[in-house]
């Protein structure tokens, strides 16, 4: 299964959802949210001008989403079809993978921003 672009990912996930849940997939479409709760997370994420002397970068969540897109789709597909995992659990594992990669890119001053990362099933 070759998936390209955000539309392709959405189609792939819809297909996985229908396979995992049958025709009622639109009513029970699992979603995973990966994010940061620190009040300043959006500012740090979007500030391309900031200097990060202790490492890290802006776009610390967006960058791994873009880079890992094919791997994440393949991971979910494999977990659902080959390992017989539910779509919800496969998405949660994929979200945790994304969170981990994102945390590696978070600029570190106090560690509060990195520690505020979360992944949850919606």
Protein backbone atom coordinates (compact mmCIF):
# COMPACT_ATOMS: atom_id res chain seq x y z
CA UNK A 1 0.00 0.00 0.00
CA UNK A 2 1.63 3.23 -1.16
CA UNK A 3 0.39 6.36 0.62
CA UNK A 4 1.45 9.88 -0.30
CA UNK A 5 0.30 13.25 1.00
CA UNK A 6 -2.09 14.11 3.80
CA UNK A 7 -5.11 13.13 1.69
CA UNK A 8 -3.58 9.71 1.12
CA UNK A 9 -3.02 9.25 4.85
CA UNK A 10 -6.59 10.22 5.62
CA UNK A 11 -7.87 7.79 2.99
CA UNK A 12 -5.60 5.06 4.37
CA UNK A 13 -6.83 5.61 7.92
CA UNK A 14 -10.45 5.65 6.77
CA UNK A 15 -9.81 2.34 5.00
CA UNK A 16 -8.18 0.89 8.10
CA UNK A 17 -11.07 2.13 10.20
CA UNK A 18 -13.63 0.47 7.94
CA UNK A 19 -11.63 -2.77 8.00
CA UNK A 20 -11.31 -2.73 11.77
CA UNK A 21 -14.80 -1.58 12.68
CA UNK A 22 -17.01 -2.48 9.71
CA UNK A 23 -19.58 -0.17 8.19
CA UNK A 24 -20.18 1.76 11.45
CA UNK A 25 -16.66 3.20 11.32
CA UNK A 26 -17.83 6.79 11.08
CA UNK A 27 -19.52 6.45 14.48
CA UNK A 28 -16.52 4.86 16.18
CA UNK A 29 -13.62 6.42 14.33
CA UNK A 30 -10.74 6.43 16.83
CA UNK A 31 -8.39 9.38 16.86
CA UNK A 32 -5.15 10.00 18.68
CA UNK A 33 -4.00 13.42 19.80
CA UNK A 34 -0.32 14.20 20.31
CA UNK A 35 0.51 17.55 21.82
CA UNK A 36 2.02 19.66 24.57
CA UNK A 37 0.23 21.25 27.52
CA UNK A 38 2.81 23.91 28.44
CA UNK A 39 1.18 27.32 28.02
CA UNK A 40 4.02 28.53 25.78
CA UNK A 41 4.28 25.41 23.60
CA UNK A 42 2.67 27.00 20.54
CA UNK A 43 4.91 30.07 20.79
CA UNK A 44 8.09 27.96 20.96
CA UNK A 45 6.84 25.66 18.20
CA UNK A 46 6.14 28.53 15.81
CA UNK A 47 9.06 30.86 16.60
CA UNK A 48 11.49 30.27 13.75
CA UNK A 49 13.69 33.18 14.86
CA UNK A 50 14.52 31.82 18.33
CA UNK A 51 18.02 30.70 19.25
CA UNK A 52 18.08 27.41 21.15
CA UNK A 53 21.54 27.19 22.74
CA UNK A 54 20.69 23.98 24.61
CA UNK A 55 19.49 22.21 21.48
CA UNK A 56 16.11 21.58 19.94
CA UNK A 57 14.24 23.47 17.28
CA UNK A 58 11.03 25.19 16.28
CA UNK A 59 8.43 22.98 14.61
CA UNK A 60 9.38 20.19 17.02
CA UNK A 61 6.04 18.43 16.50
CA UNK A 62 5.37 19.31 12.87
CA UNK A 63 8.79 18.13 11.63
CA UNK A 64 8.46 14.52 12.81
CA UNK A 65 4.86 14.38 11.58
CA UNK A 66 6.08 15.25 8.09
CA UNK A 67 9.19 13.05 8.21
CA UNK A 68 7.55 9.98 9.76
CA UNK A 69 4.29 10.07 7.80
CA UNK A 70 5.02 7.01 5.60
CA UNK A 71 6.48 5.05 8.52
CA UNK A 72 3.51 5.83 10.79
CA UNK A 73 0.97 4.79 8.15
CA UNK A 74 2.88 1.55 7.53
CA UNK A 75 3.18 0.95 11.28
CA UNK A 76 -0.58 1.28 11.80
CA UNK A 77 -1.33 -0.88 8.77
CA UNK A 78 1.05 -3.58 9.96
CA UNK A 79 -0.25 -3.55 13.52
CA UNK A 80 -3.87 -3.84 12.39
CA UNK A 81 -3.53 -6.34 9.56
CA UNK A 82 -0.51 -8.45 10.56
CA UNK A 83 -0.64 -8.27 14.34
CA UNK A 84 -4.44 -8.18 14.60
CA UNK A 85 -4.34 -5.13 16.88
CA UNK A 86 -7.37 -2.89 17.10
CA UNK A 87 -7.14 0.34 15.12
CA UNK A 88 -7.42 2.34 18.34
CA UNK A 89 -4.44 0.58 19.91
CA UNK A 90 -2.39 0.81 16.72
CA UNK A 91 -3.07 4.55 16.48
CA UNK A 92 -2.13 4.97 20.13
CA UNK A 93 1.21 3.22 19.59
CA UNK A 94 1.85 5.32 16.48
CA UNK A 95 1.03 8.45 18.48
CA UNK A 96 3.48 7.45 21.21
CA UNK A 97 6.17 6.94 18.55
CA UNK A 98 5.48 10.40 17.19
CA UNK A 99 5.55 11.89 20.69
CA UNK A 100 8.94 10.33 21.39
CA UNK A 101 10.46 11.69 18.19
CA UNK A 102 8.96 15.10 18.87
CA UNK A 103 10.32 15.23 22.41
CA UNK A 104 13.83 14.71 21.03
CA UNK A 105 13.46 17.98 19.10
CA UNK A 106 11.93 20.10 21.87
CA UNK A 107 14.16 23.04 22.87
CA UNK A 108 15.33 22.47 26.44
CA UNK A 109 15.65 25.22 29.00
CA UNK A 110 14.01 23.73 32.08
CA UNK A 111 12.55 20.52 30.68
CA UNK A 112 9.01 21.70 31.41
CA UNK A 113 8.00 21.85 27.75
CA UNK A 114 9.35 18.38 26.99
CA UNK A 115 7.65 16.98 30.09
CA UNK A 116 4.30 18.44 29.04
CA UNK A 117 4.03 16.12 26.01
CA UNK A 118 1.04 13.82 25.86
CA UNK A 119 -0.59 11.24 23.63
CA UNK A 120 -4.18 10.26 24.18
CA UNK A 121 -6.94 8.39 22.48
CA UNK A 122 -9.90 10.60 21.66
